[in-house]
C-alpha cells in the first residue's frame, strides 16, 4: 500500500499543525507503516524540527496521527 507521511510542527497555544515535510512510504498495511514511520521520526535527517506525524492514505485522508509523547510510543 502507498502512504504519505506528513511530519508536522504544532503551535503550543492552539495545537495547530503546520506540515514541515511529506514523504511517500510503501508498506504492506497500516500497522507496518506505523512501525516504519515511527522509526523515521527519530532517524530521518530533515531540515526542520518536528513534533509529530500523520499517515495519509491514497486519497490523502489521515489514518494515523502520532506524537512522541503519546501513550503508545
PDB file of N, CA and C in Angstrom:
ATOM      1  N   UNK A   1       0.836  -1.181   0.000  1.00  0.00           N
ATOM      2  CA  UNK A   1       0.000   0.000   0.000  1.00  0.00           C
ATOM      3  C   UNK A   1       0.879   1.241   0.000  1.00  0.00           C
ATOM      4  N   UNK A   2       0.383   2.261  -0.632  1.00  0.00           N
ATOM      5  CA  UNK A   2       1.091   3.531  -0.669  1.00  0.00           C
ATOM      6  C   UNK A   2       0.508   4.476   0.372  1.00  0.00           C
ATOM      7  N   UNK A   3       1.398   5.070   1.149  1.00  0.00           N
ATOM      8  CA  UNK A   3       1.014   6.043   2.159  1.00  0.00           C
ATOM      9  C   UNK A   3       1.869   7.291   1.988  1.00  0.00           C
ATOM     10  N   UNK A   4       1.408   8.403   2.533  1.00  0.00           N
ATOM     11  CA  UNK A   4       2.200   9.617   2.607  1.00  0.00           C
ATOM     12  C   UNK A   4       2.363   9.957   4.080  1.00  0.00           C
ATOM     13  N   UNK A   5       3.591  10.234   4.458  1.00  0.00           N
ATOM     14  CA  UNK A   5       3.864  10.633   5.833  1.00  0.00           C
ATOM     15  C   UNK A   5       4.040  12.136   5.844  1.00  0.00           C
ATOM     16  N   UNK A   6       3.311  12.802   6.716  1.00  0.00           N
ATOM     17  CA  UNK A   6       3.464  14.236   6.919  1.00  0.00           C
ATOM     18  C   UNK A   6       4.045  14.462   8.303  1.00  0.00           C
ATOM     19  N   UNK A   7       5.208  15.051   8.354  1.00  0.00           N
ATOM     20  CA  UNK A   7       5.787  15.474   9.629  1.00  0.00           C
ATOM     21  C   UNK A   7       5.265  16.876   9.899  1.00  0.00           C
ATOM     22  N   UNK A   8       4.922  17.159  11.149  1.00  0.00           N
ATOM     23  CA  UNK A   8       4.345  18.466  11.437  1.00  0.00           C
ATOM     24  C   UNK A   8       4.919  19.076  12.708  1.00  0.00           C
ATOM     25  N   UNK A   9       4.767  20.385  12.782  1.00  0.00           N
ATOM     26  CA  UNK A   9       5.052  21.181  13.990  1.00  0.00           C
ATOM     27  C   UNK A   9       3.718  21.614  14.552  1.00  0.00           C
ATOM     28  N   UNK A  10       3.661  21.815  15.851  1.00  0.00           N
ATOM     29  CA  UNK A  10       2.430  22.307  16.466  1.00  0.00           C
ATOM     30  C   UNK A  10       2.679  23.647  17.132  1.00  0.00           C
ATOM     31  N   UNK A  11       1.636  24.453  17.173  1.00  0.00           N
ATOM     32  CA  UNK A  11       1.680  25.714  17.884  1.00  0.00           C
ATOM     33  C   UNK A  11       1.165  25.447  19.292  1.00  0.00           C
ATOM     34  N   UNK A  12       1.996  25.680  20.312  1.00  0.00           N
ATOM     35  CA  UNK A  12       1.588  25.343  21.676  1.00  0.00           C
ATOM     36  C   UNK A  12       0.286  25.997  22.135  1.00  0.00           C
ATOM     37  N   UNK A  13       0.025  27.199  21.696  1.00  0.00           N
ATOM     38  CA  UNK A  13      -1.148  27.911  22.198  1.00  0.00           C
ATOM     39  C   UNK A  13      -2.468  27.309  21.715  1.00  0.00           C
ATOM     40  N   UNK A  14      -2.492  26.736  20.501  1.00  0.00           N
ATOM     41  CA  UNK A  14      -3.764  26.225  19.983  1.00  0.00           C
ATOM     42  C   UNK A  14      -3.654  24.837  19.342  1.00  0.00           C
ATOM     43  N   UNK A  15      -2.489  24.223  19.430  1.00  0.00           N
ATOM     44  CA  UNK A  15      -2.256  22.893  18.856  1.00  0.00           C
ATOM     45  C   UNK A  15      -2.480  22.842  17.341  1.00  0.00           C
ATOM     46  N   UNK A  16      -2.381  23.977  16.658  1.00  0.00           N
ATOM     47  CA  UNK A  16      -2.495  23.987  15.201  1.00  0.00           C
ATOM     48  C   UNK A  16      -1.291  23.255  14.607  1.00  0.00           C
ATOM     49  N   UNK A  17      -1.531  22.503  13.534  1.00  0.00           N
ATOM     50  CA  UNK A  17      -0.470  21.744  12.880  1.00  0.00           C
ATOM     51  C   UNK A  17      -0.014  22.444  11.609  1.00  0.00           C
ATOM     52  N   UNK A  18       1.299  22.523  11.415  1.00  0.00           N
ATOM     53  CA  UNK A  18       1.879  23.029  10.176  1.00  0.00           C
ATOM     54  C   UNK A  18       2.772  21.935   9.611  1.00  0.00           C
ATOM     55  N   UNK A  19       2.486  21.488   8.404  1.00  0.00           N
ATOM     56  CA  UNK A  19       3.259  20.413   7.783  1.00  0.00           C
ATOM     57  C   UNK A  19       4.650  20.920   7.438  1.00  0.00           C
ATOM     58  N   UNK A  20       5.663  20.171   7.863  1.00  0.00           N
ATOM     59  CA  UNK A  20       7.038  20.567   7.568  1.00  0.00           C
ATOM     60  C   UNK A  20       7.658  19.717   6.462  1.00  0.00           C
ATOM     61  N   UNK A  21       7.161  18.505   6.250  1.00  0.00           N
ATOM     62  CA  UNK A  21       7.740  17.617   5.243  1.00  0.00           C
ATOM     63  C   UNK A  21       6.737  16.518   4.902  1.00  0.00           C
ATOM     64  N   UNK A  22       6.720  16.103   3.623  1.00  0.00           N
ATOM     65  CA  UNK A  22       5.889  14.970   3.174  1.00  0.00           C
ATOM     66  C   UNK A  22       6.801  13.951   2.514  1.00  0.00           C
ATOM     67  N   UNK A  23       6.600  12.688   2.873  1.00  0.00           N
ATOM     68  CA  UNK A  23       7.438  11.618   2.338  1.00  0.00           C
ATOM     69  C   UNK A  23       6.552  10.432   1.973  1.00  0.00           C
ATOM     70  N   UNK A  24       6.699   9.893   0.748  1.00  0.00           N
ATOM     71  CA  UNK A  24       5.933   8.694   0.398  1.00  0.00           C
ATOM     72  C   UNK A  24       6.554   7.450   1.040  1.00  0.00           C
ATOM     73  N   UNK A  25       5.703   6.515   1.453  1.00  0.00           N
ATOM     74  CA  UNK A  25       6.158   5.261   2.052  1.00  0.00           C
ATOM     75  C   UNK A  25       5.292   4.132   1.499  1.00  0.00           C
ATOM     76  N   UNK A  26       5.924   3.016   1.149  1.00  0.00           N
ATOM     77  CA  UNK A  26       5.205   1.826   0.728  1.00  0.00           C
ATOM     78  C   UNK A  26       5.323   0.808   1.851  1.00  0.00           C
ATOM     79  N   UNK A  27       4.181   0.261   2.277  1.00  0.00           N
ATOM     80  CA  UNK A  27       4.161  -0.738   3.347  1.00  0.00           C
ATOM     81  C   UNK A  27       3.057  -1.750   3.049  1.00  0.00           C
ATOM     82  N   UNK A  28       3.161  -2.926   3.647  1.00  0.00           N
ATOM     83  CA  UNK A  28       2.166  -3.978   3.424  1.00  0.00           C
ATOM     84  C   UNK A  28       0.793  -3.592   3.938  1.00  0.00           C
ATOM     85  N   UNK A  29       0.757  -2.857   5.055  1.00  0.00           N
ATOM     86  CA  UNK A  29      -0.506  -2.455   5.659  1.00  0.00           C
ATOM     87  C   UNK A  29      -0.245  -1.287   6.601  1.00  0.00           C
ATOM     88  N   UNK A  30      -1.289  -0.782   7.228  1.00  0.00           N
ATOM     89  CA  UNK A  30      -1.147   0.385   8.105  1.00  0.00           C
ATOM     90  C   UNK A  30      -0.251   0.085   9.302  1.00  0.00           C
ATOM     91  N   UNK A  31      -0.373  -1.097   9.886  1.00  0.00           N
ATOM     92  CA  UNK A  31       0.467  -1.434  11.044  1.00  0.00           C
ATOM     93  C   UNK A  31       1.947  -1.424  10.686  1.00  0.00           C
ATOM     94  N   UNK A  32       2.295  -1.948   9.517  1.00  0.00           N
ATOM     95  CA  UNK A  32       3.689  -1.925   9.068  1.00  0.00           C
ATOM     96  C   UNK A  32       4.147  -0.495   8.812  1.00  0.00           C
ATOM     97  N   UNK A  33       3.260   0.329   8.270  1.00  0.00           N
ATOM     98  CA  UNK A  33       3.600   1.729   8.023  1.00  0.00           C
ATOM     99  C   UNK A  33       3.858   2.459   9.337  1.00  0.00           C
ATOM    100  N   UNK A  34       3.082   2.157  10.378  1.00  0.00           N
ATOM    101  CA  UNK A  34       3.279   2.793  11.683  1.00  0.00           C
ATOM    102  C   UNK A  34       4.669   2.515  12.230  1.00  0.00           C
ATOM    103  N   UNK A  35       5.114   1.276  12.141  1.00  0.00           N
ATOM    104  CA  UNK A  35       6.442   0.909  12.628  1.00  0.00           C
ATOM    105  C   UNK A  35       7.512   1.667  11.854  1.00  0.00           C
ATOM    106  N   UNK A  36       7.363   1.704  10.543  1.00  0.00           N
ATOM    107  CA  UNK A  36       8.342   2.397   9.693  1.00  0.00           C
ATOM    108  C   UNK A  36       8.422   3.878  10.002  1.00  0.00           C
ATOM    109  N   UNK A  37       7.279   4.530  10.093  1.00  0.00           N
ATOM    110  CA  UNK A  37       7.303   5.985  10.258  1.00  0.00           C
ATOM    111  C   UNK A  37       7.761   6.420  11.640  1.00  0.00           C
ATOM    112  N   UNK A  38       7.456   5.628  12.654  1.00  0.00           N
ATOM    113  CA  UNK A  38       7.960   5.969  13.988  1.00  0.00           C
ATOM    114  C   UNK A  38       9.480   5.890  14.011  1.00  0.00           C
ATOM    115  N   UNK A  39      10.036   4.917  13.315  1.00  0.00           N
ATOM    116  CA  UNK A  39      11.495   4.815  13.206  1.00  0.00           C
ATOM    117  C   UNK A  39      12.057   6.016  12.441  1.00  0.00           C
ATOM    118  N   UNK A  40      11.404   6.373  11.344  1.00  0.00           N
ATOM    119  CA  UNK A  40      11.862   7.521  10.551  1.00  0.00           C
ATOM    120  C   UNK A  40      11.801   8.818  11.340  1.00  0.00           C
ATOM    121  N   UNK A  41      10.845   8.928  12.240  1.00  0.00           N
ATOM    122  CA  UNK A  41      10.708  10.150  13.032  1.00  0.00           C
ATOM    123  C   UNK A  41      12.015  10.474  13.747  1.00  0.00           C
ATOM    124  N   UNK A  42      12.676   9.449  14.251  1.00  0.00           N
ATOM    125  CA  UNK A  42      13.905   9.648  15.021  1.00  0.00           C
ATOM    126  C   UNK A  42      15.171   9.618  14.176  1.00  0.00           C
ATOM    127  N   UNK A  43      15.117   8.991  12.997  1.00  0.00           N
ATOM    128  CA  UNK A  43      16.352   8.794  12.238  1.00  0.00           C
ATOM    129  C   UNK A  43      16.475   9.646  10.982  1.00  0.00           C
ATOM    130  N   UNK A  44      15.373  10.108  10.443  1.00  0.00           N
ATOM    131  CA  UNK A  44      15.406  10.867   9.202  1.00  0.00           C
ATOM    132  C   UNK A  44      15.952  12.272   9.445  1.00  0.00           C
ATOM    133  N   UNK A  45      16.930  12.655   8.634  1.00  0.00           N
ATOM    134  CA  UNK A  45      17.534  13.977   8.765  1.00  0.00           C
ATOM    135  C   UNK A  45      16.723  14.982   7.945  1.00  0.00           C
ATOM    136  N   UNK A  46      15.900  15.746   8.626  1.00  0.00           N
ATOM    137  CA  UNK A  46      15.062  16.738   7.967  1.00  0.00           C
ATOM    138  C   UNK A  46      15.541  18.137   8.320  1.00  0.00           C
ATOM    139  N   UNK A  47      15.291  19.122   7.444  1.00  0.00           N
ATOM    140  CA  UNK A  47      15.771  20.479   7.698  1.00  0.00           C
ATOM    141  C   UNK A  47      15.085  21.179   8.867  1.00  0.00           C
ATOM    142  N   UNK A  48      13.890  20.734   9.250  1.00  0.00           N
ATOM    143  CA  UNK A  48      13.164  21.376  10.344  1.00  0.00           C
ATOM    144  C   UNK A  48      12.875  20.380  11.454  1.00  0.00           C
ATOM    145  N   UNK A  49      12.752  20.886  12.654  1.00  0.00           N
ATOM    146  CA  UNK A  49      12.320  20.054  13.772  1.00  0.00           C
ATOM    147  C   UNK A  49      10.881  19.617  13.523  1.00  0.00           C
ATOM    148  N   UNK A  50      10.473  18.553  14.172  1.00  0.00           N
ATOM    149  CA  UNK A  50       9.099  18.091  14.025  1.00  0.00           C
ATOM    150  C   UNK A  50       8.545  17.675  15.375  1.00  0.00           C
ATOM    151  N   UNK A  51       7.243  17.842  15.543  1.00  0.00           N
ATOM    152  CA  UNK A  51       6.577  17.499  16.796  1.00  0.00           C
ATOM    153  C   UNK A  51       5.781  16.206  16.689  1.00  0.00           C
ATOM    154  N   UNK A  52       5.407  15.823  15.487  1.00  0.00           N
ATOM    155  CA  UNK A  52       4.621  14.619  15.298  1.00  0.00           C
ATOM    156  C   UNK A  52       4.500  14.279  13.831  1.00  0.00           C
ATOM    157  N   UNK A  53       3.659  13.283  13.548  1.00  0.00           N
ATOM    158  CA  UNK A  53       3.468  12.866  12.166  1.00  0.00           C
ATOM    159  C   UNK A  53       2.048  12.378  11.955  1.00  0.00           C
ATOM    160  N   UNK A  54       1.665  12.395  10.688  1.00  0.00           N
ATOM    161  CA  UNK A  54       0.390  11.836  10.240  1.00  0.00           C
ATOM    162  C   UNK A  54       0.691  10.859   9.123  1.00  0.00           C
ATOM    163  N   UNK A  55      -0.086   9.787   9.053  1.00  0.00           N
ATOM    164  CA  UNK A  55      -0.032   8.897   7.904  1.00  0.00           C
ATOM    165  C   UNK A  55      -1.310   9.150   7.116  1.00  0.00           C
ATOM    166  N   UNK A  56      -1.135   9.434   5.826  1.00  0.00           N
ATOM    167  CA  UNK A  56      -2.270   9.677   4.938  1.00  0.00           C
ATOM    168  C   UNK A  56      -2.432   8.494   3.992  1.00  0.00           C
ATOM    169  N   UNK A  57      -3.677   8.143   3.677  1.00  0.00           N
ATOM    170  CA  UNK A  57      -3.921   7.073   2.716  1.00  0.00           C
ATOM    171  C   UNK A  57      -3.860   7.635   1.300  1.00  0.00           C
ATOM    172  N   UNK A  58      -4.238   6.811   0.310  1.00  0.00           N
ATOM    173  CA  UNK A  58      -4.087   7.226  -1.085  1.00  0.00           C
ATOM    174  C   UNK A  58      -4.981   8.395  -1.482  1.00  0.00           C
ATOM    175  N   UNK A  59      -6.040   8.659  -0.723  1.00  0.00           N
ATOM    176  CA  UNK A  59      -6.886   9.821  -1.012  1.00  0.00           C
ATOM    177  C   UNK A  59      -6.573  10.990  -0.075  1.00  0.00           C
ATOM    178  N   UNK A  60      -5.417  10.903   0.578  1.00  0.00           N
ATOM    179  CA  UNK A  60      -4.888  11.965   1.449  1.00  0.00           C
ATOM    180  C   UNK A  60      -5.719  12.183   2.702  1.00  0.00           C
ATOM    181  N   UNK A  61      -6.368  11.132   3.171  1.00  0.00           N
ATOM    182  CA  UNK A  61      -7.135  11.171   4.420  1.00  0.00           C
ATOM    183  C   UNK A  61      -6.225  10.683   5.550  1.00  0.00           C
ATOM    184  N   UNK A  62      -6.183  11.386   6.664  1.00  0.00           N
ATOM    185  CA  UNK A  62      -5.341  10.981   7.798  1.00  0.00           C
ATOM    186  C   UNK A  62      -5.898   9.697   8.404  1.00  0.00           C
ATOM    187  N   UNK A  63      -5.051   8.657   8.453  1.00  0.00           N
ATOM    188  CA  UNK A  63      -5.469   7.372   9.028  1.00  0.00           C
ATOM    189  C   UNK A  63      -4.736   7.083  10.337  1.00  0.00           C
ATOM    190  N   UNK A  64      -3.755   7.934  10.673  1.00  0.00           N
ATOM    191  CA  UNK A  64      -2.991   7.758  11.907  1.00  0.00           C
ATOM    192  C   UNK A  64      -2.289   9.064  12.214  1.00  0.00           C
ATOM    193  N   UNK A  65      -2.337   9.489  13.471  1.00  0.00           N
ATOM    194  CA  UNK A  65      -1.622  10.682  13.930  1.00  0.00           C
ATOM    195  C   UNK A  65      -0.859  10.278  15.173  1.00  0.00           C
ATOM    196  N   UNK A  66       0.414  10.715  15.274  1.00  0.00           N
ATOM    197  CA  UNK A  66       1.255  10.301  16.391  1.00  0.00           C
ATOM    198  C   UNK A  66       2.236  11.402  16.771  1.00  0.00           C
ATOM    199  N   UNK A  67       2.454  11.555  18.073  1.00  0.00           N
ATOM    200  CA  UNK A  67       3.500  12.432  18.624  1.00  0.00           C
ATOM    201  C   UNK A  67       4.306  11.587  19.605  1.00  0.00           C
ATOM    202  N   UNK A  68       5.600  11.839  19.763  1.00  0.00           N
ATOM    203  CA  UNK A  68       6.445  11.026  20.630  1.00  0.00           C
ATOM    204  C   UNK A  68       5.949  10.907  22.060  1.00  0.00           C
ATOM    205  N   UNK A  69       5.201  11.871  22.543  1.00  0.00           N
ATOM    206  CA  UNK A  69       4.716  11.791  23.926  1.00  0.00           C
ATOM    207  C   UNK A  69       3.387  11.049  24.063  1.00  0.00           C
ATOM    208  N   UNK A  70       2.875  10.505  22.947  1.00  0.00           N
ATOM    209  CA  UNK A  70       1.651   9.710  23.010  1.00  0.00           C
ATOM    210  C   UNK A  70       1.895   8.439  23.819  1.00  0.00           C
ATOM    211  N   UNK A  71       0.873   7.918  24.414  1.00  0.00           N
ATOM    212  CA  UNK A  71       0.994   6.742  25.284  1.00  0.00           C
ATOM    213  C   UNK A  71       1.524   5.514  24.565  1.00  0.00           C
ATOM    214  N   UNK A  72       1.253   5.364  23.262  1.00  0.00           N
ATOM    215  CA  UNK A  72       1.674   4.157  22.568  1.00  0.00           C
ATOM    216  C   UNK A  72       3.089   4.251  22.005  1.00  0.00           C
ATOM    217  N   UNK A  73       3.850   5.244  22.447  1.00  0.00           N
ATOM    218  CA  UNK A  73       5.213   5.416  21.942  1.00  0.00           C
ATOM    219  C   UNK A  73       5.982   4.241  22.312  1.00  0.00           C
TER     220      UNK A  73
END
